[in-house]
Amino acid sequence: MDALTLLATVVPVALLLALICVTLICLVAIIRAHRGDIEKVLLALPAVIAAMLRRKR
């Protein structure tokens, strides 16, 4: 197995594993959070997105 083939198989598997881990961490964080905290974050999201878009320009 050459390096390119190894890289082509390892990278997608690593990305998939990272996506699964991030999803699980987010789900656990949402489950453990208090209801009021989740509502505050959701209400603040439009402002955060707007600030990120302004900074990107």
C-alpha atoms as a PDB file:
ATOM      1  CA  MET A   1       0.000   0.000   0.000  1.00  0.00           C
ATOM      2  CA  ASP A   2       1.553   3.276  -1.051  1.00  0.00           C
ATOM      3  CA  ALA A   3       1.340   6.545   0.867  1.00  0.00           C
ATOM      4  CA  LEU A   4      -1.333   8.088  -1.343  1.00  0.00           C
ATOM      5  CA  THR A   5      -3.692   5.140  -0.915  1.00  0.00           C
ATOM      6  CA  LEU A   6      -3.108   5.127   2.812  1.00  0.00           C
ATOM      7  CA  LEU A   7      -3.786   8.860   2.984  1.00  0.00           C
ATOM      8  CA  ALA A   8      -6.954   8.491   0.890  1.00  0.00           C
ATOM      9  CA  THR A   9      -8.347   5.954   3.354  1.00  0.00           C
ATOM     10  CA  VAL A  10      -7.129   7.413   6.654  1.00  0.00           C
ATOM     11  CA  VAL A  11      -8.246  11.022   6.149  1.00  0.00           C
ATOM     12  CA  PRO A  12     -11.947  10.294   5.437  1.00  0.00           C
ATOM     13  CA  VAL A  13     -12.090   7.850   8.347  1.00  0.00           C
ATOM     14  CA  ALA A  14     -10.484  10.416  10.662  1.00  0.00           C
ATOM     15  CA  LEU A  15     -12.915  13.118   9.507  1.00  0.00           C
ATOM     16  CA  LEU A  16     -15.878  10.820  10.066  1.00  0.00           C
ATOM     17  CA  LEU A  17     -14.633   9.917  13.536  1.00  0.00           C
ATOM     18  CA  ALA A  18     -14.119  13.602  14.359  1.00  0.00           C
ATOM     19  CA  LEU A  19     -17.649  14.428  13.163  1.00  0.00           C
ATOM     20  CA  ILE A  20     -19.124  11.673  15.318  1.00  0.00           C
ATOM     21  CA  CYS A  21     -17.164  12.844  18.368  1.00  0.00           C
ATOM     22  CA  VAL A  22     -18.199  16.482  17.901  1.00  0.00           C
ATOM     23  CA  THR A  23     -21.836  15.448  17.465  1.00  0.00           C
ATOM     24  CA  LEU A  24     -21.771  13.396  20.655  1.00  0.00           C
ATOM     25  CA  ILE A  25     -20.102  16.197  22.611  1.00  0.00           C
ATOM     26  CA  CYS A  26     -22.704  18.710  21.412  1.00  0.00           C
ATOM     27  CA  LEU A  27     -25.591  16.387  22.238  1.00  0.00           C
ATOM     28  CA  VAL A  28     -24.263  15.751  25.745  1.00  0.00           C
ATOM     29  CA  ALA A  29     -23.761  19.491  26.271  1.00  0.00           C
ATOM     30  CA  ILE A  30     -27.324  20.234  25.137  1.00  0.00           C
ATOM     31  CA  ILE A  31     -28.771  17.473  27.318  1.00  0.00           C
ATOM     32  CA  ARG A  32     -26.879  18.653  30.406  1.00  0.00           C
ATOM     33  CA  ALA A  33     -27.607  22.357  29.890  1.00  0.00           C
ATOM     34  CA  HIS A  34     -30.392  24.122  31.695  1.00  0.00           C
ATOM     35  CA  ARG A  35     -33.407  25.104  29.632  1.00  0.00           C
ATOM     36  CA  GLY A  36     -32.842  28.821  30.217  1.00  0.00           C
ATOM     37  CA  ASP A  37     -29.253  28.583  28.989  1.00  0.00           C
ATOM     38  CA  ILE A  38     -30.334  26.947  25.735  1.00  0.00           C
ATOM     39  CA  GLU A  39     -32.936  29.646  25.147  1.00  0.00           C
ATOM     40  CA  LYS A  40     -30.347  32.398  25.738  1.00  0.00           C
ATOM     41  CA  VAL A  41     -27.921  30.821  23.286  1.00  0.00           C
ATOM     42  CA  LEU A  42     -30.604  30.403  20.624  1.00  0.00           C
ATOM     43  CA  LEU A  43     -31.716  34.006  21.064  1.00  0.00           C
ATOM     44  CA  ALA A  44     -28.112  35.217  20.766  1.00  0.00           C
ATOM     45  CA  LEU A  45     -27.333  33.225  17.611  1.00  0.00           C
ATOM     46  CA  PRO A  46     -28.527  35.857  15.102  1.00  0.00           C
ATOM     47  CA  ALA A  47     -26.305  38.480  16.729  1.00  0.00           C
ATOM     48  CA  VAL A  48     -23.310  36.127  16.731  1.00  0.00           C
ATOM     49  CA  ILE A  49     -23.827  35.235  13.070  1.00  0.00           C
ATOM     50  CA  ALA A  50     -24.176  38.907  12.145  1.00  0.00           C
ATOM     51  CA  ALA A  51     -20.945  39.750  14.000  1.00  0.00           C
ATOM     52  CA  MET A  52     -19.097  36.918  12.253  1.00  0.00           C
ATOM     53  CA  LEU A  53     -20.339  38.068   8.856  1.00  0.00           C
ATOM     54  CA  ARG A  54     -19.267  41.684   9.565  1.00  0.00           C
ATOM     55  CA  ARG A  55     -15.827  40.522  10.658  1.00  0.00           C
ATOM     56  CA  LYS A  56     -15.417  38.361   7.555  1.00  0.00           C
ATOM     57  CA  ARG A  57     -15.846  41.333   5.205  1.00  0.00           C
END
